[in-house]
Amino acid sequence: MTWQLAFVAATAVLTTAAAARAWLRSEAHRDAVARRDPRRRAAMIDPLVTLAIQVRLGELAHELHHLTDDPDVYARAHHWRAVQGAYDELLREACRLSGLDVRDTPLRADERARNDERLREELELSSRGWSW
């Protein structure tokens, strides 16, 4: 009778341990931890998403330099404003992804991010290891 009781107790412990291990590895557990601790959320961000944003930021920065340097671009001011707006929005998305405080500006044609805000965001991202 004693060995049967020990067997039942051991089975209950193993079943509970297996269930706990499955919960700890589940997506629901990771989401619950991410909601409680924002630093863990930053650690669980997909690195390929970060890389894609960095690559796109680099492409937009190159396009801005190209528009500034080439005097023969048709409608240069229009293209520059469009690329600058896309760059600013992608910069804000990168800040959100890395957990930085972002001051959103309304997406209207007559309003753009100020240069000092853009510089602050770029410096904050580069201090966290971002490069583009």
Protein backbone atom coordinates (compact mmCIF):
# COMPACT_ATOMS: atom_id res chain seq x y z
CA MET A 1 0.00 0.00 0.00
CA THR A 2 2.89 2.39 0.75
CA TRP A 3 4.49 1.91 -2.64
CA GLN A 4 1.13 2.59 -4.35
CA LEU A 5 0.81 5.87 -2.47
CA ALA A 6 4.38 6.80 -3.39
CA PHE A 7 3.67 5.94 -7.03
CA VAL A 8 0.55 8.15 -7.09
CA ALA A 9 2.41 11.03 -5.44
CA ALA A 10 5.33 10.74 -7.86
CA THR A 11 2.96 10.64 -10.83
CA ALA A 12 1.18 13.78 -9.57
CA VAL A 13 4.48 15.62 -9.13
CA LEU A 14 5.71 14.67 -12.60
CA THR A 15 2.42 15.66 -14.21
CA THR A 16 2.46 19.03 -12.44
CA ALA A 17 6.08 19.63 -13.45
CA ALA A 18 5.30 18.79 -17.09
CA ALA A 19 2.34 21.16 -17.09
CA ALA A 20 4.43 23.95 -15.54
CA ARG A 21 7.20 23.42 -18.11
CA ALA A 22 4.66 23.56 -20.94
CA TRP A 23 3.20 26.81 -19.54
CA LEU A 24 6.62 28.42 -19.20
CA ARG A 25 7.40 27.63 -22.83
CA SER A 26 4.03 28.79 -24.15
CA GLU A 27 3.30 31.96 -26.08
CA ALA A 28 0.71 33.03 -23.49
CA HIS A 29 3.37 33.02 -20.75
CA ARG A 30 5.73 35.14 -22.85
CA ASP A 31 2.94 37.63 -23.54
CA ALA A 32 2.07 37.83 -19.83
CA VAL A 33 5.72 38.47 -18.92
CA ALA A 34 6.04 41.09 -21.65
CA ARG A 35 3.01 42.97 -20.34
CA ARG A 36 4.46 43.07 -16.82
CA ASP A 37 8.05 43.97 -17.68
CA PRO A 38 8.75 46.20 -20.72
CA ARG A 39 12.47 45.37 -20.62
CA ARG A 40 11.65 41.70 -21.27
CA ARG A 41 9.42 42.81 -24.16
CA ALA A 42 12.39 44.59 -25.73
CA ALA A 43 14.46 41.43 -25.38
CA MET A 44 11.81 39.37 -27.19
CA ILE A 45 11.57 41.61 -30.29
CA ASP A 46 12.36 39.80 -33.51
CA PRO A 47 15.87 40.82 -34.63
CA LEU A 48 14.88 40.54 -38.29
CA VAL A 49 12.28 43.27 -37.79
CA THR A 50 14.96 45.48 -36.27
CA LEU A 51 17.31 44.72 -39.15
CA ALA A 52 14.63 45.50 -41.74
CA ILE A 53 13.95 48.88 -40.12
CA GLN A 54 17.68 49.66 -39.98
CA VAL A 55 18.12 48.76 -43.65
CA ARG A 56 15.15 50.89 -44.66
CA LEU A 57 16.41 53.83 -42.56
CA GLY A 58 19.75 53.57 -44.37
CA GLU A 59 18.06 53.54 -47.76
CA LEU A 60 15.97 56.61 -46.90
CA ALA A 61 19.01 58.47 -45.52
CA HIS A 62 20.89 57.67 -48.75
CA GLU A 63 17.93 58.93 -50.79
CA LEU A 64 17.88 62.19 -48.79
CA HIS A 65 21.59 62.72 -49.47
CA HIS A 66 21.06 61.94 -53.16
CA LEU A 67 18.22 64.47 -53.41
CA THR A 68 20.30 67.10 -51.66
CA ASP A 69 23.38 66.57 -53.85
CA ASP A 70 21.74 66.20 -57.27
CA PRO A 71 20.63 69.58 -58.68
CA ASP A 72 18.90 68.02 -61.71
CA VAL A 73 16.15 66.15 -59.83
CA TYR A 74 12.73 67.16 -61.05
CA ALA A 75 10.46 68.46 -58.23
CA ARG A 76 13.27 68.13 -55.73
CA ALA A 77 11.46 69.87 -52.87
CA HIS A 78 8.43 67.60 -53.25
CA HIS A 79 10.57 64.46 -53.30
CA TRP A 80 12.67 65.68 -50.39
CA ARG A 81 9.55 66.34 -48.25
CA ALA A 82 8.15 62.91 -49.09
CA VAL A 83 11.38 61.08 -48.24
CA GLN A 84 11.90 63.18 -45.11
CA GLY A 85 8.38 62.34 -43.90
CA ALA A 86 8.94 58.63 -44.51
CA TYR A 87 12.30 58.82 -42.72
CA ASP A 88 10.76 60.59 -39.72
CA GLU A 89 7.93 58.08 -39.43
CA LEU A 90 10.31 55.12 -39.69
CA LEU A 91 12.54 56.75 -37.09
CA ARG A 92 9.57 57.02 -34.71
CA GLU A 93 8.73 53.36 -35.37
CA ALA A 94 12.31 52.40 -34.49
CA CYS A 95 12.03 54.41 -31.28
CA ARG A 96 8.81 52.64 -30.35
CA LEU A 97 10.42 49.30 -31.09
CA SER A 98 13.36 50.02 -28.80
CA GLY A 99 11.15 51.39 -26.03
CA LEU A 100 12.00 55.09 -26.36
CA ASP A 101 9.58 57.90 -25.64
CA VAL A 102 8.19 59.23 -28.92
CA ARG A 103 6.45 62.52 -29.56
CA ASP A 104 4.09 61.80 -32.42
CA THR A 105 3.30 64.57 -34.83
CA PRO A 106 0.09 64.59 -36.84
CA LEU A 107 0.47 63.20 -40.33
CA ARG A 108 -0.50 66.25 -42.31
CA ALA A 109 1.15 67.69 -45.36
CA ASP A 110 1.97 71.00 -43.70
CA GLU A 111 3.52 69.60 -40.51
CA ARG A 112 6.85 67.85 -40.21
CA ALA A 113 9.06 66.75 -37.37
CA ARG A 114 11.44 69.41 -36.13
CA ASN A 115 15.15 68.94 -36.67
CA ASP A 116 15.97 68.88 -32.95
CA GLU A 117 13.42 66.10 -32.31
CA ARG A 118 14.81 64.10 -35.22
CA LEU A 119 18.35 64.54 -33.91
CA ARG A 120 17.28 63.48 -30.41
CA GLU A 121 15.68 60.30 -31.77
CA GLU A 122 18.73 59.49 -33.92
CA LEU A 123 21.10 59.98 -30.98
CA GLU A 124 18.95 57.89 -28.63
CA LEU A 125 18.81 55.06 -31.14
CA SER A 126 22.54 55.17 -31.87
CA SER A 127 23.29 55.13 -28.13
CA ARG A 128 21.29 51.88 -27.95
CA GLY A 129 23.38 50.26 -30.70
CA TRP A 130 21.29 51.06 -33.78
CA SER A 131 23.16 51.94 -36.95
CA TRP A 132 22.00 52.74 -40.47
